[in-house]
């Protein structure tokens, strides 16, 4: 999971990372929970997309 986060960070522009960080810091506990769920869903779909791309190349 940490590796996927690291890979995602490479594709994410610094400004977006900064904005997400500010949003995360200013959000409430419930909002953090929702944000983390959305973020993990996005990472999973992104990884599935990447793996399907790499599979289609072979």
C-alpha atoms as a PDB file:
ATOM      1  CA  UNK A   1       0.000   0.000   0.000  1.00  0.00           C
ATOM      2  CA  UNK A   2       2.847   2.390   0.820  1.00  0.00           C
ATOM      3  CA  UNK A   3       4.455   1.560  -2.539  1.00  0.00           C
ATOM      4  CA  UNK A   4       1.234   2.395  -4.384  1.00  0.00           C
ATOM      5  CA  UNK A   5       1.025   5.709  -2.505  1.00  0.00           C
ATOM      6  CA  UNK A   6       4.619   6.440  -3.472  1.00  0.00           C
ATOM      7  CA  UNK A   7       3.863   5.636  -7.124  1.00  0.00           C
ATOM      8  CA  UNK A   8       0.766   7.812  -7.015  1.00  0.00           C
ATOM      9  CA  UNK A   9       2.753  10.736  -5.626  1.00  0.00           C
ATOM     10  CA  UNK A  10       4.938  10.653  -8.710  1.00  0.00           C
ATOM     11  CA  UNK A  11       1.920  11.274 -10.942  1.00  0.00           C
ATOM     12  CA  UNK A  12       0.377  13.922  -8.688  1.00  0.00           C
ATOM     13  CA  UNK A  13       1.310  17.590  -9.272  1.00  0.00           C
ATOM     14  CA  UNK A  14       2.770  19.382  -6.197  1.00  0.00           C
ATOM     15  CA  UNK A  15      -0.077  21.908  -6.139  1.00  0.00           C
ATOM     16  CA  UNK A  16      -2.688  19.145  -5.987  1.00  0.00           C
ATOM     17  CA  UNK A  17      -0.763  17.408  -3.204  1.00  0.00           C
ATOM     18  CA  UNK A  18      -0.609  20.677  -1.279  1.00  0.00           C
ATOM     19  CA  UNK A  19      -4.340  21.324  -1.753  1.00  0.00           C
ATOM     20  CA  UNK A  20      -5.211  17.785  -0.643  1.00  0.00           C
ATOM     21  CA  UNK A  21      -2.967  18.192   2.382  1.00  0.00           C
ATOM     22  CA  UNK A  22      -4.654  21.468   3.405  1.00  0.00           C
ATOM     23  CA  UNK A  23      -8.095  19.933   2.894  1.00  0.00           C
ATOM     24  CA  UNK A  24      -7.083  16.956   4.988  1.00  0.00           C
ATOM     25  CA  UNK A  25      -5.748  19.117   7.813  1.00  0.00           C
ATOM     26  CA  UNK A  26      -8.804  21.373   7.925  1.00  0.00           C
ATOM     27  CA  UNK A  27     -11.374  18.601   7.638  1.00  0.00           C
ATOM     28  CA  UNK A  28     -13.182  16.949  10.536  1.00  0.00           C
ATOM     29  CA  UNK A  29     -12.715  13.342  11.604  1.00  0.00           C
ATOM     30  CA  UNK A  30     -15.748  12.166   9.593  1.00  0.00           C
ATOM     31  CA  UNK A  31     -14.604  14.042   6.497  1.00  0.00           C
ATOM     32  CA  UNK A  32     -11.144  12.498   6.866  1.00  0.00           C
ATOM     33  CA  UNK A  33     -12.744   9.058   6.886  1.00  0.00           C
ATOM     34  CA  UNK A  34     -14.676   9.839   3.681  1.00  0.00           C
ATOM     35  CA  UNK A  35     -11.601  11.386   2.030  1.00  0.00           C
ATOM     36  CA  UNK A  36      -9.479   8.356   2.858  1.00  0.00           C
ATOM     37  CA  UNK A  37     -12.128   6.037   1.447  1.00  0.00           C
ATOM     38  CA  UNK A  38     -12.313   8.054  -1.777  1.00  0.00           C
ATOM     39  CA  UNK A  39      -8.532   8.274  -1.992  1.00  0.00           C
ATOM     40  CA  UNK A  40      -8.025   4.531  -1.499  1.00  0.00           C
ATOM     41  CA  UNK A  41     -10.739   3.779  -4.078  1.00  0.00           C
ATOM     42  CA  UNK A  42      -9.017   6.110  -6.537  1.00  0.00           C
ATOM     43  CA  UNK A  43      -5.617   4.468  -5.945  1.00  0.00           C
ATOM     44  CA  UNK A  44      -7.080   0.981  -6.401  1.00  0.00           C
ATOM     45  CA  UNK A  45      -8.812   1.970  -9.657  1.00  0.00           C
ATOM     46  CA  UNK A  46      -5.614   3.710 -10.805  1.00  0.00           C
ATOM     47  CA  UNK A  47      -3.552   0.590 -10.095  1.00  0.00           C
ATOM     48  CA  UNK A  48      -6.100  -1.611 -11.879  1.00  0.00           C
ATOM     49  CA  UNK A  49      -5.925   0.764 -14.852  1.00  0.00           C
ATOM     50  CA  UNK A  50      -2.114   0.629 -14.852  1.00  0.00           C
ATOM     51  CA  UNK A  51      -2.046  -3.158 -14.579  1.00  0.00           C
ATOM     52  CA  UNK A  52      -4.576  -3.523 -17.404  1.00  0.00           C
ATOM     53  CA  UNK A  53      -2.415  -1.233 -19.548  1.00  0.00           C
ATOM     54  CA  UNK A  54       0.703  -3.288 -18.829  1.00  0.00           C
ATOM     55  CA  UNK A  55      -1.189  -6.526 -19.504  1.00  0.00           C
ATOM     56  CA  UNK A  56      -2.493  -5.253 -22.830  1.00  0.00           C
ATOM     57  CA  UNK A  57       1.063  -4.505 -23.981  1.00  0.00           C
ATOM     58  CA  UNK A  58       2.058  -8.186 -23.874  1.00  0.00           C
END
